[in-house]
Amino acid sequence: MSYGYEITFDNSASATAVPELIVQTVDRDLLPGVRDEYIEVPGYTGSFLFPEADGDRSMQMTCQLVADTTADRRAAVRALAQFLRKTTMKRLIVSDEPDRFWLAKINAGVPVTERQARGLFQLTWRTSPYAESITTYSTSVSATSAPDTFSIDIGNSQVEIEPVIELTATENSADGFELTIGGTVLDYAGSVTNGQVKTISCRTATVVTGAWADEELETGLFNGATLDMATVTGAFGVIGGEGGNDITLDRMNGVMRIVWRERYL
């Protein structure tokens, strides 16, 4: 249909998969889910706040199916069920923001009111706390006199980003390296040889051998066959949060290719 919203779910466009579908309205949570906990203690004024990281959001869509016949409507209902049924969260793109996606999954039953050639229903999605840019962004920096510090511009991202870093050693290092990302220190104590590549992912909290940043950002998965976590201590940081935008490489010189997606509220 040429009116209403169109959605793309798991790389399948509704206009192709279910051409009878019209998404009439979209209701999005203004902010991510609030998971904070407040504890009230007798004798104390107010409460104690225990803040938590942002939670998932909810998105509702008011929809209808417009077919030519009753049989066509029933076929459209079955096509819609196939379009929506996923066992894990997949990318959801709404046509009014074609430059970004949410990770989403249907989160409630979908009763369809069917009458003649039409069907009326509401879709309720559970989505990730933030939308992410379809485009991936990257920058490369060279550490030549460790410790070297670099400030990373995260563009239009409204919240902190989780970078994936391909670190190519430009010298041998028997003691590995220390990487400080947004104020958070990660230590790799294994030996690294000149020219070897380690991919440090703040998205999946992993270190793997080889250059896997582009594949991981596309699939959301790390390469388990090259996982190299035995000598890793510390934590994986974020850029653009309270710890700032700096990345520091210590104990080894190397070239860092830093790859990320912008994230939006």
Protein backbone atom coordinates (compact mmCIF):
# COMPACT_ATOMS: atom_id res chain seq x y z
CA MET A 1 0.00 0.00 0.00
CA SER A 2 1.21 3.54 -0.68
CA TYR A 3 -0.17 5.05 2.56
CA GLY A 4 0.54 4.45 6.23
CA TYR A 5 3.85 3.23 7.57
CA GLU A 6 5.86 0.41 6.10
CA ILE A 7 8.06 -1.79 8.22
CA THR A 8 11.03 -3.99 7.46
CA PHE A 9 11.55 -6.89 9.84
CA ASP A 10 14.50 -9.25 9.67
CA ASN A 11 15.40 -7.79 6.24
CA SER A 12 11.91 -8.53 4.87
CA ALA A 13 9.80 -5.55 3.74
CA SER A 14 6.12 -5.60 4.66
CA ALA A 15 5.23 -4.12 1.26
CA THR A 16 6.55 -7.30 -0.33
CA ALA A 17 5.84 -9.93 2.32
CA VAL A 18 2.32 -8.73 3.21
CA PRO A 19 1.21 -6.08 0.67
CA GLU A 20 -2.26 -5.98 2.28
CA LEU A 21 -0.78 -4.64 5.55
CA ILE A 22 -1.35 -1.00 6.52
CA VAL A 23 0.35 0.28 9.67
CA GLN A 24 -1.84 3.22 10.65
CA THR A 25 -0.21 4.49 13.87
CA VAL A 26 3.02 3.87 15.75
CA ASP A 27 3.34 4.50 19.50
CA ARG A 28 6.92 4.49 20.79
CA ASP A 29 8.10 4.84 24.38
CA LEU A 30 9.77 8.22 24.78
CA LEU A 31 12.57 6.77 26.92
CA PRO A 32 14.08 3.34 27.54
CA GLY A 33 12.54 1.22 30.26
CA VAL A 34 13.28 2.41 33.81
CA ARG A 35 14.66 -0.38 36.01
CA ASP A 36 15.76 1.74 38.98
CA GLU A 37 14.95 0.51 42.45
CA TYR A 38 13.98 2.73 45.37
CA ILE A 39 14.36 1.47 48.94
CA GLU A 40 12.49 3.19 51.74
CA VAL A 41 14.04 2.85 55.19
CA PRO A 42 11.98 3.55 58.33
CA GLY A 43 13.18 6.70 60.04
CA TYR A 44 14.77 8.18 56.91
CA THR A 45 13.24 10.87 54.75
CA GLY A 46 12.55 9.89 51.16
CA SER A 47 14.25 6.82 49.74
CA PHE A 48 17.58 5.42 48.54
CA LEU A 49 17.96 5.16 44.79
CA PHE A 50 19.75 2.19 43.25
CA PRO A 51 20.03 3.15 39.56
CA GLU A 52 20.11 0.48 36.86
CA ALA A 53 21.07 0.51 33.20
CA ASP A 54 18.33 1.33 30.69
CA GLY A 55 15.79 -1.40 29.98
CA ASP A 56 13.96 -2.48 26.84
CA ARG A 57 11.18 -0.40 25.33
CA SER A 58 7.69 -1.12 24.06
CA MET A 59 6.33 -0.14 20.64
CA GLN A 60 2.69 -0.51 19.54
CA MET A 61 1.33 -0.37 16.02
CA THR A 62 -2.33 -0.08 15.07
CA CYS A 63 -2.78 -2.00 11.84
CA GLN A 64 -5.26 -3.33 9.34
CA LEU A 65 -5.27 -5.75 6.46
CA VAL A 66 -7.11 -4.65 3.33
CA ALA A 67 -7.64 -7.44 0.81
CA ASP A 68 -9.94 -7.95 -2.17
CA THR A 69 -11.81 -11.02 -0.94
CA THR A 70 -12.33 -13.04 2.22
CA ALA A 71 -10.00 -15.72 0.90
CA ASP A 72 -7.33 -13.12 0.17
CA ARG A 73 -7.72 -11.75 3.69
CA ARG A 74 -7.18 -15.20 5.20
CA ALA A 75 -4.11 -15.68 3.03
CA ALA A 76 -2.81 -12.29 4.18
CA VAL A 77 -3.31 -13.25 7.84
CA ARG A 78 -1.22 -16.37 7.31
CA ALA A 79 1.46 -14.39 5.47
CA LEU A 80 1.52 -11.87 8.31
CA ALA A 81 1.98 -14.63 10.89
CA GLN A 82 4.93 -15.98 8.94
CA PHE A 83 6.37 -12.47 8.58
CA LEU A 84 6.21 -11.78 12.34
CA ARG A 85 7.12 -15.13 13.89
CA LYS A 86 10.75 -15.09 15.08
CA THR A 87 12.44 -16.91 17.92
CA THR A 88 14.96 -14.14 18.65
CA MET A 89 15.05 -10.35 18.38
CA LYS A 90 15.58 -9.14 14.81
CA ARG A 91 16.07 -5.78 13.14
CA LEU A 92 12.93 -3.67 12.83
CA ILE A 93 12.91 -0.57 10.62
CA VAL A 94 9.95 1.82 10.50
CA SER A 95 9.63 3.85 7.30
CA ASP A 96 9.59 7.26 9.02
CA GLU A 97 13.17 6.60 10.24
CA PRO A 98 14.78 4.58 7.47
CA ASP A 99 18.33 5.28 8.67
CA ARG A 100 18.05 3.28 11.90
CA PHE A 101 16.79 0.00 13.31
CA TRP A 102 15.58 -1.46 16.57
CA LEU A 103 16.19 -5.01 17.71
CA ALA A 104 12.64 -6.22 18.27
CA LYS A 105 10.33 -9.17 18.77
CA ILE A 106 6.56 -9.46 19.03
CA ASN A 107 5.83 -9.44 22.75
CA ALA A 108 2.11 -10.22 22.99
CA GLY A 109 -0.57 -12.21 21.23
CA VAL A 110 -2.10 -10.64 18.12
CA PRO A 111 -5.89 -11.12 18.05
CA VAL A 112 -7.16 -10.17 14.60
CA THR A 113 -10.73 -8.90 14.19
CA GLU A 114 -11.67 -10.27 10.79
CA ARG A 115 -14.61 -8.98 8.80
CA GLN A 116 -15.16 -9.78 5.15
CA ALA A 117 -11.99 -8.64 3.31
CA ARG A 118 -10.52 -6.68 6.23
CA GLY A 119 -8.63 -7.42 9.42
CA LEU A 120 -7.98 -5.11 12.40
CA PHE A 121 -5.31 -5.69 15.04
CA GLN A 122 -2.50 -4.23 17.13
CA LEU A 123 1.14 -5.28 17.17
CA THR A 124 3.06 -4.99 20.44
CA TRP A 125 6.83 -5.14 20.13
CA ARG A 126 9.53 -5.40 22.74
CA THR A 127 12.54 -3.48 21.45
CA SER A 128 16.09 -2.69 22.44
CA PRO A 129 16.64 0.39 24.64
CA TYR A 130 18.14 2.33 21.72
CA ALA A 131 17.82 2.48 17.97
CA GLU A 132 21.06 1.96 16.05
CA SER A 133 22.29 3.39 12.79
CA ILE A 134 22.14 1.14 9.75
CA THR A 135 25.42 2.70 8.66
CA THR A 136 28.56 1.62 10.48
CA TYR A 137 31.21 4.21 11.24
CA SER A 138 34.94 3.73 11.69
CA THR A 139 38.17 5.57 12.32
CA SER A 140 41.79 4.39 12.46
CA VAL A 141 44.53 5.64 14.77
CA SER A 142 48.18 4.62 15.23
CA ALA A 143 49.86 4.30 18.61
CA THR A 144 53.61 4.83 18.15
CA SER A 145 54.79 5.74 21.66
CA ALA A 146 52.61 3.82 24.10
CA PRO A 147 50.79 4.88 26.14
CA ASP A 148 49.00 6.83 23.41
CA THR A 149 45.58 8.40 23.91
CA PHE A 150 43.04 9.25 21.22
CA SER A 151 39.73 11.10 21.41
CA ILE A 152 36.97 9.50 19.33
CA ASP A 153 34.19 11.56 17.73
CA ILE A 154 30.98 9.51 17.87
CA GLY A 155 29.07 11.84 15.55
CA ASN A 156 25.30 12.11 16.08
CA SER A 157 25.03 9.33 18.64
CA GLN A 158 22.75 10.43 21.49
CA VAL A 159 24.02 7.87 23.98
CA GLU A 160 27.29 6.10 24.60
CA ILE A 161 28.43 3.63 21.94
CA GLU A 162 29.94 0.16 22.29
CA PRO A 163 32.95 0.08 19.96
CA VAL A 164 34.51 -2.92 18.29
CA ILE A 165 38.26 -2.44 17.95
CA GLU A 166 40.59 -4.25 15.57
CA LEU A 167 44.06 -3.87 17.09
CA THR A 168 46.97 -4.74 14.81
CA ALA A 169 50.29 -5.01 16.63
CA THR A 170 53.22 -3.13 15.07
CA GLU A 171 55.74 -4.80 17.37
CA ASN A 172 56.14 -7.92 19.47
CA SER A 173 54.80 -7.70 23.01
CA ALA A 174 55.41 -10.54 25.45
CA ASP A 175 53.24 -8.76 28.03
CA GLY A 176 50.25 -8.09 25.78
CA PHE A 177 48.51 -4.72 26.05
CA GLU A 178 46.30 -2.55 28.19
CA LEU A 179 43.36 -0.79 26.57
CA THR A 180 41.44 1.95 28.39
CA ILE A 181 38.09 2.69 26.77
CA GLY A 182 36.11 5.61 28.15
CA GLY A 183 37.90 5.35 31.48
CA THR A 184 37.43 1.56 31.80
CA VAL A 185 40.57 -0.59 31.79
CA LEU A 186 40.86 -3.89 29.91
CA ASP A 187 44.07 -5.92 30.26
CA TYR A 188 45.26 -8.62 27.86
CA ALA A 189 48.26 -10.41 29.38
CA GLY A 190 49.02 -12.87 26.57
CA SER A 191 51.88 -12.41 24.13
CA VAL A 192 51.21 -10.65 20.82
CA THR A 193 53.43 -10.81 17.76
CA ASN A 194 54.11 -8.10 15.20
CA GLY A 195 51.28 -8.03 12.63
CA GLN A 196 48.85 -10.07 14.74
CA VAL A 197 45.28 -8.77 14.98
CA LYS A 198 43.03 -8.91 18.03
CA THR A 199 39.38 -7.83 17.87
CA ILE A 200 38.17 -6.34 21.14
CA SER A 201 34.39 -6.09 21.21
CA CYS A 202 32.59 -3.97 23.76
CA ARG A 203 29.30 -5.19 22.26
CA THR A 204 29.80 -8.85 23.09
CA ALA A 205 32.50 -8.41 25.79
CA THR A 206 34.96 -10.65 23.97
CA VAL A 207 38.51 -10.68 22.61
CA VAL A 208 39.11 -12.83 19.53
CA THR A 209 42.08 -13.37 17.25
CA GLY A 210 41.72 -11.91 13.75
CA ALA A 211 39.86 -9.02 12.16
CA TRP A 212 36.16 -9.61 12.83
CA ALA A 213 34.70 -6.15 13.53
CA ASP A 214 32.60 -5.81 10.36
CA GLU A 215 31.17 -9.32 10.64
CA GLU A 216 30.32 -8.88 14.31
CA LEU A 217 28.54 -5.57 13.74
CA GLU A 218 26.52 -7.16 10.95
CA THR A 219 25.57 -10.40 12.73
CA GLY A 220 25.75 -9.39 16.40
CA LEU A 221 27.83 -12.53 17.05
CA PHE A 222 31.50 -13.06 17.87
CA ASN A 223 33.72 -15.70 16.25
CA GLY A 224 33.78 -18.44 18.85
CA ALA A 225 36.46 -20.42 17.00
CA THR A 226 39.04 -17.69 17.67
CA LEU A 227 37.96 -16.65 21.17
CA ASP A 228 40.97 -15.57 23.25
CA MET A 229 39.83 -14.67 26.78
CA ALA A 230 42.17 -16.73 28.98
CA THR A 231 44.42 -13.80 29.94
CA VAL A 232 41.80 -11.02 29.84
CA THR A 233 41.00 -9.08 33.01
CA GLY A 234 39.16 -5.83 33.67
CA ALA A 235 36.06 -4.69 31.84
CA PHE A 236 34.86 -3.52 28.43
CA GLY A 237 34.08 0.19 28.28
CA VAL A 238 31.90 2.54 26.27
CA ILE A 239 32.67 5.78 24.43
CA GLY A 240 30.66 8.92 25.03
CA GLY A 241 29.45 8.06 28.51
CA GLU A 242 30.50 9.48 31.86
CA GLY A 243 34.05 8.23 31.25
CA GLY A 244 34.48 10.37 28.15
CA ASN A 245 35.54 9.70 24.56
CA ASP A 246 39.17 8.66 24.98
CA ILE A 247 40.86 5.37 24.10
CA THR A 248 44.37 4.70 25.43
CA LEU A 249 46.67 1.89 24.28
CA ASP A 250 49.53 0.95 26.62
CA ARG A 251 52.34 -1.67 26.75
CA MET A 252 52.29 -2.10 22.97
CA ASN A 253 52.27 0.01 19.83
CA GLY A 254 49.74 -0.75 17.15
CA VAL A 255 47.08 0.43 14.73
CA MET A 256 43.51 0.53 16.02
CA ARG A 257 40.54 0.43 13.68
CA ILE A 258 37.54 1.47 15.78
CA VAL A 259 34.11 0.55 14.39
CA TRP A 260 30.67 1.36 15.81
CA ARG A 261 27.04 2.13 15.14
CA GLU A 262 25.48 5.36 16.34
CA ARG A 263 22.78 4.89 18.97
CA TYR A 264 19.67 7.04 19.36
CA LEU A 265 17.02 7.63 22.00
